[in-house]
Amino acid sequence: MNKVILIGRTTESPELRYAPGTGTAVCRFTLAVNRHYKKDEADFINCVAFGKTGETIAQYILKGRQVAISGRIQSGSYDANDGSKRYTTDVVVENFEFIGSSNSNNNQVNSGVWNPSDEGFGEEIPNDFGDAPF
């Protein structure tokens, strides 16, 4: 099972782009997650959200906003411009929840859970299991 649940603050406002060809929304952001036993230390987790989930995150979440996310870890690699191979590890966001308050004075949506199926979007994030019998 590949399931991740994180609570942290965004380090910057999320970046929204659209995939060439398909036009799918791709939202990237970094979440600073405090370490439980080490005061004043945090892990910086790269996150990515697709489709309506990504568009909603980009619209309502700003730098410093505390959020809870759930999703899965996905690793990959690519060839860099200098010819070296680079490896990536991201959390693919499936659901998120606004919690706490933002560090800015901007008006934000009220805290609450947002799930794409609640809005009737019904967009599923593809997985690699195909038609597995479990």
C-alpha atoms as a PDB file:
ATOM      1  CA  MET A   1       0.000   0.000   0.000  1.00  0.00           C
ATOM      2  CA  ASN A   2       1.320   3.439  -0.944  1.00  0.00           C
ATOM      3  CA  LYS A   3      -0.462   6.088   1.160  1.00  0.00           C
ATOM      4  CA  VAL A   4       0.884   9.370   2.532  1.00  0.00           C
ATOM      5  CA  ILE A   5      -0.777  11.855   4.895  1.00  0.00           C
ATOM      6  CA  LEU A   6       1.055  15.115   5.640  1.00  0.00           C
ATOM      7  CA  ILE A   7       0.319  18.338   7.496  1.00  0.00           C
ATOM      8  CA  GLY A   8       2.535  21.311   6.810  1.00  0.00           C
ATOM      9  CA  ARG A   9       2.849  24.807   5.378  1.00  0.00           C
ATOM     10  CA  THR A  10       3.522  25.740   1.785  1.00  0.00           C
ATOM     11  CA  THR A  11       6.960  27.254   1.251  1.00  0.00           C
ATOM     12  CA  GLU A  12       5.842  29.265  -1.814  1.00  0.00           C
ATOM     13  CA  SER A  13       2.592  29.791  -3.660  1.00  0.00           C
ATOM     14  CA  PRO A  14       1.872  26.728  -5.840  1.00  0.00           C
ATOM     15  CA  GLU A  15       2.927  26.816  -9.490  1.00  0.00           C
ATOM     16  CA  LEU A  16       0.229  25.870 -12.030  1.00  0.00           C
ATOM     17  CA  ARG A  17       1.066  24.772 -15.564  1.00  0.00           C
ATOM     18  CA  TYR A  18      -0.779  22.844 -18.235  1.00  0.00           C
ATOM     19  CA  ALA A  19       0.721  19.759 -19.857  1.00  0.00           C
ATOM     20  CA  PRO A  20       1.444  20.238 -23.557  1.00  0.00           C
ATOM     21  CA  GLY A  21      -0.790  18.166 -25.782  1.00  0.00           C
ATOM     22  CA  THR A  22      -3.305  17.039 -23.169  1.00  0.00           C
ATOM     23  CA  GLY A  23      -3.871  20.373 -21.433  1.00  0.00           C
ATOM     24  CA  THR A  24      -4.045  18.651 -18.039  1.00  0.00           C
ATOM     25  CA  ALA A  25      -3.480  21.020 -15.114  1.00  0.00           C
ATOM     26  CA  VAL A  26      -0.278  20.252 -13.180  1.00  0.00           C
ATOM     27  CA  CYS A  27       0.226  22.058  -9.874  1.00  0.00           C
ATOM     28  CA  ARG A  28       3.563  21.791  -8.037  1.00  0.00           C
ATOM     29  CA  PHE A  29       4.359  23.019  -4.548  1.00  0.00           C
ATOM     30  CA  THR A  30       6.599  22.235  -1.597  1.00  0.00           C
ATOM     31  CA  LEU A  31       5.248  21.466   1.848  1.00  0.00           C
ATOM     32  CA  ALA A  32       7.376  22.131   4.959  1.00  0.00           C
ATOM     33  CA  VAL A  33       6.507  19.419   7.481  1.00  0.00           C
ATOM     34  CA  ASN A  34       7.831  19.869  11.024  1.00  0.00           C
ATOM     35  CA  ARG A  35       9.677  16.956  12.588  1.00  0.00           C
ATOM     36  CA  HIS A  36       7.922  15.605  15.638  1.00  0.00           C
ATOM     37  CA  TYR A  37      10.932  15.080  17.902  1.00  0.00           C
ATOM     38  CA  LYS A  38      13.293  17.769  16.593  1.00  0.00           C
ATOM     39  CA  LYS A  39      12.157  21.292  17.385  1.00  0.00           C
ATOM     40  CA  ASP A  40      12.753  23.875  14.659  1.00  0.00           C
ATOM     41  CA  GLU A  41      13.514  21.217  12.007  1.00  0.00           C
ATOM     42  CA  ALA A  42      11.378  20.419   8.987  1.00  0.00           C
ATOM     43  CA  ASP A  43      11.353  18.187   5.943  1.00  0.00           C
ATOM     44  CA  PHE A  44      10.559  19.811   2.608  1.00  0.00           C
ATOM     45  CA  ILE A  45       8.308  17.543   0.563  1.00  0.00           C
ATOM     46  CA  ASN A  46       7.708  18.086  -3.164  1.00  0.00           C
ATOM     47  CA  CYS A  47       4.036  17.671  -4.058  1.00  0.00           C
ATOM     48  CA  VAL A  48       2.144  17.555  -7.349  1.00  0.00           C
ATOM     49  CA  ALA A  49      -1.601  17.677  -8.012  1.00  0.00           C
ATOM     50  CA  PHE A  50      -3.371  17.118 -11.319  1.00  0.00           C
ATOM     51  CA  GLY A  51      -6.613  18.251 -12.931  1.00  0.00           C
ATOM     52  CA  LYS A  52      -9.261  20.075 -10.896  1.00  0.00           C
ATOM     53  CA  THR A  53      -7.451  19.265  -7.657  1.00  0.00           C
ATOM     54  CA  GLY A  54      -4.364  21.083  -8.944  1.00  0.00           C
ATOM     55  CA  GLU A  55      -6.374  24.056 -10.205  1.00  0.00           C
ATOM     56  CA  THR A  56      -8.148  24.418  -6.856  1.00  0.00           C
ATOM     57  CA  ILE A  57      -4.885  24.245  -4.913  1.00  0.00           C
ATOM     58  CA  ALA A  58      -3.320  26.884  -7.172  1.00  0.00           C
ATOM     59  CA  GLN A  59      -6.362  29.148  -6.787  1.00  0.00           C
ATOM     60  CA  TYR A  60      -6.793  29.054  -3.007  1.00  0.00           C
ATOM     61  CA  ILE A  61      -3.479  28.127  -1.389  1.00  0.00           C
ATOM     62  CA  LEU A  62      -0.791  30.771  -0.962  1.00  0.00           C
ATOM     63  CA  LYS A  63       2.671  30.765   0.593  1.00  0.00           C
ATOM     64  CA  GLY A  64       2.548  29.911   4.303  1.00  0.00           C
ATOM     65  CA  ARG A  65      -0.912  28.306   4.231  1.00  0.00           C
ATOM     66  CA  GLN A  66      -1.254  25.249   6.457  1.00  0.00           C
ATOM     67  CA  VAL A  67      -2.800  22.278   4.686  1.00  0.00           C
ATOM     68  CA  ALA A  68      -3.271  18.564   5.154  1.00  0.00           C
ATOM     69  CA  ILE A  69      -2.792  16.391   2.111  1.00  0.00           C
ATOM     70  CA  SER A  70      -3.223  12.736   1.365  1.00  0.00           C
ATOM     71  CA  GLY A  71      -1.859  10.933  -1.626  1.00  0.00           C
ATOM     72  CA  ARG A  72       0.826   8.537  -2.754  1.00  0.00           C
ATOM     73  CA  ILE A  73       4.584   8.622  -3.279  1.00  0.00           C
ATOM     74  CA  GLN A  74       5.771   8.464  -6.871  1.00  0.00           C
ATOM     75  CA  SER A  75       9.383   8.307  -7.980  1.00  0.00           C
ATOM     76  CA  GLY A  76      10.793   8.930 -11.430  1.00  0.00           C
ATOM     77  CA  SER A  77      13.829  10.054 -13.364  1.00  0.00           C
ATOM     78  CA  TYR A  78      14.791  12.247 -16.291  1.00  0.00           C
ATOM     79  CA  ASP A  79      17.906  13.187 -18.245  1.00  0.00           C
ATOM     80  CA  ALA A  80      19.150  16.657 -17.331  1.00  0.00           C
ATOM     81  CA  ASN A  81      20.504  19.146 -19.876  1.00  0.00           C
ATOM     82  CA  ASP A  82      24.071  18.380 -18.736  1.00  0.00           C
ATOM     83  CA  GLY A  83      23.627  14.692 -19.661  1.00  0.00           C
ATOM     84  CA  SER A  84      23.283  13.405 -16.100  1.00  0.00           C
ATOM     85  CA  LYS A  85      20.329  11.379 -14.882  1.00  0.00           C
ATOM     86  CA  ARG A  86      18.195  13.059 -12.192  1.00  0.00           C
ATOM     87  CA  TYR A  87      15.890  11.202  -9.824  1.00  0.00           C
ATOM     88  CA  THR A  88      12.684  12.640  -8.349  1.00  0.00           C
ATOM     89  CA  THR A  89      10.334  11.725  -5.539  1.00  0.00           C
ATOM     90  CA  ASP A  90       6.977  13.492  -5.272  1.00  0.00           C
ATOM     91  CA  VAL A  91       3.778  13.086  -3.328  1.00  0.00           C
ATOM     92  CA  VAL A  92       0.884  12.907  -5.794  1.00  0.00           C
ATOM     93  CA  VAL A  93      -1.976  14.703  -4.036  1.00  0.00           C
ATOM     94  CA  GLU A  94      -5.333  12.936  -4.117  1.00  0.00           C
ATOM     95  CA  ASN A  95      -7.171  14.988  -1.443  1.00  0.00           C
ATOM     96  CA  PHE A  96      -6.393  18.049   0.632  1.00  0.00           C
ATOM     97  CA  GLU A  97      -7.861  20.014   3.514  1.00  0.00           C
ATOM     98  CA  PHE A  98      -7.411  23.639   4.535  1.00  0.00           C
ATOM     99  CA  ILE A  99      -6.411  23.764   8.205  1.00  0.00           C
ATOM    100  CA  GLY A 100      -5.240  26.481  10.532  1.00  0.00           C
ATOM    101  CA  SER A 101      -4.912  29.944   9.079  1.00  0.00           C
ATOM    102  CA  SER A 102      -2.619  31.435   6.503  1.00  0.00           C
ATOM    103  CA  ASN A 103       0.294  33.652   7.426  1.00  0.00           C
ATOM    104  CA  SER A 104      -1.088  36.416   5.220  1.00  0.00           C
ATOM    105  CA  ASN A 105      -4.067  38.712   5.664  1.00  0.00           C
ATOM    106  CA  ASN A 106      -5.588  37.752   2.310  1.00  0.00           C
ATOM    107  CA  ASN A 107      -9.136  36.449   2.326  1.00  0.00           C
ATOM    108  CA  GLN A 108      -9.114  32.691   1.940  1.00  0.00           C
ATOM    109  CA  VAL A 109     -11.777  30.051   1.675  1.00  0.00           C
ATOM    110  CA  ASN A 110     -13.018  28.707   4.982  1.00  0.00           C
ATOM    111  CA  SER A 111     -11.370  25.608   6.352  1.00  0.00           C
ATOM    112  CA  GLY A 112     -12.863  22.440   5.017  1.00  0.00           C
ATOM    113  CA  VAL A 113     -12.184  19.266   3.120  1.00  0.00           C
ATOM    114  CA  TRP A 114     -12.135  19.381  -0.658  1.00  0.00           C
ATOM    115  CA  ASN A 115     -12.432  16.190  -2.617  1.00  0.00           C
ATOM    116  CA  PRO A 116     -12.824  16.238  -6.416  1.00  0.00           C
ATOM    117  CA  SER A 117     -15.730  13.790  -6.274  1.00  0.00           C
ATOM    118  CA  ASP A 118     -17.610  16.186  -3.938  1.00  0.00           C
ATOM    119  CA  GLU A 119     -17.743  18.742  -6.736  1.00  0.00           C
ATOM    120  CA  GLY A 120     -18.885  16.238  -9.335  1.00  0.00           C
ATOM    121  CA  PHE A 121     -15.555  16.333 -11.161  1.00  0.00           C
ATOM    122  CA  GLY A 122     -15.074  12.588 -10.773  1.00  0.00           C
ATOM    123  CA  GLU A 123     -11.562  12.796 -12.217  1.00  0.00           C
ATOM    124  CA  GLU A 124      -9.502   9.839 -11.150  1.00  0.00           C
ATOM    125  CA  ILE A 125      -5.738   9.937 -10.887  1.00  0.00           C
ATOM    126  CA  PRO A 126      -4.288   7.121 -12.985  1.00  0.00           C
ATOM    127  CA  ASN A 127      -2.558   4.276 -11.196  1.00  0.00           C
ATOM    128  CA  ASP A 128      -0.263   1.523 -12.347  1.00  0.00           C
ATOM    129  CA  PHE A 129      -2.377  -1.398 -11.119  1.00  0.00           C
ATOM    130  CA  GLY A 130      -4.476  -1.913 -14.253  1.00  0.00           C
ATOM    131  CA  ASP A 131      -7.224  -4.441 -13.558  1.00  0.00           C
ATOM    132  CA  ALA A 132      -5.650  -5.996 -10.464  1.00  0.00           C
ATOM    133  CA  PRO A 133      -7.994  -8.426  -8.677  1.00  0.00           C
ATOM    134  CA  PHE A 134      -7.564  -6.877  -5.216  1.00  0.00           C
END
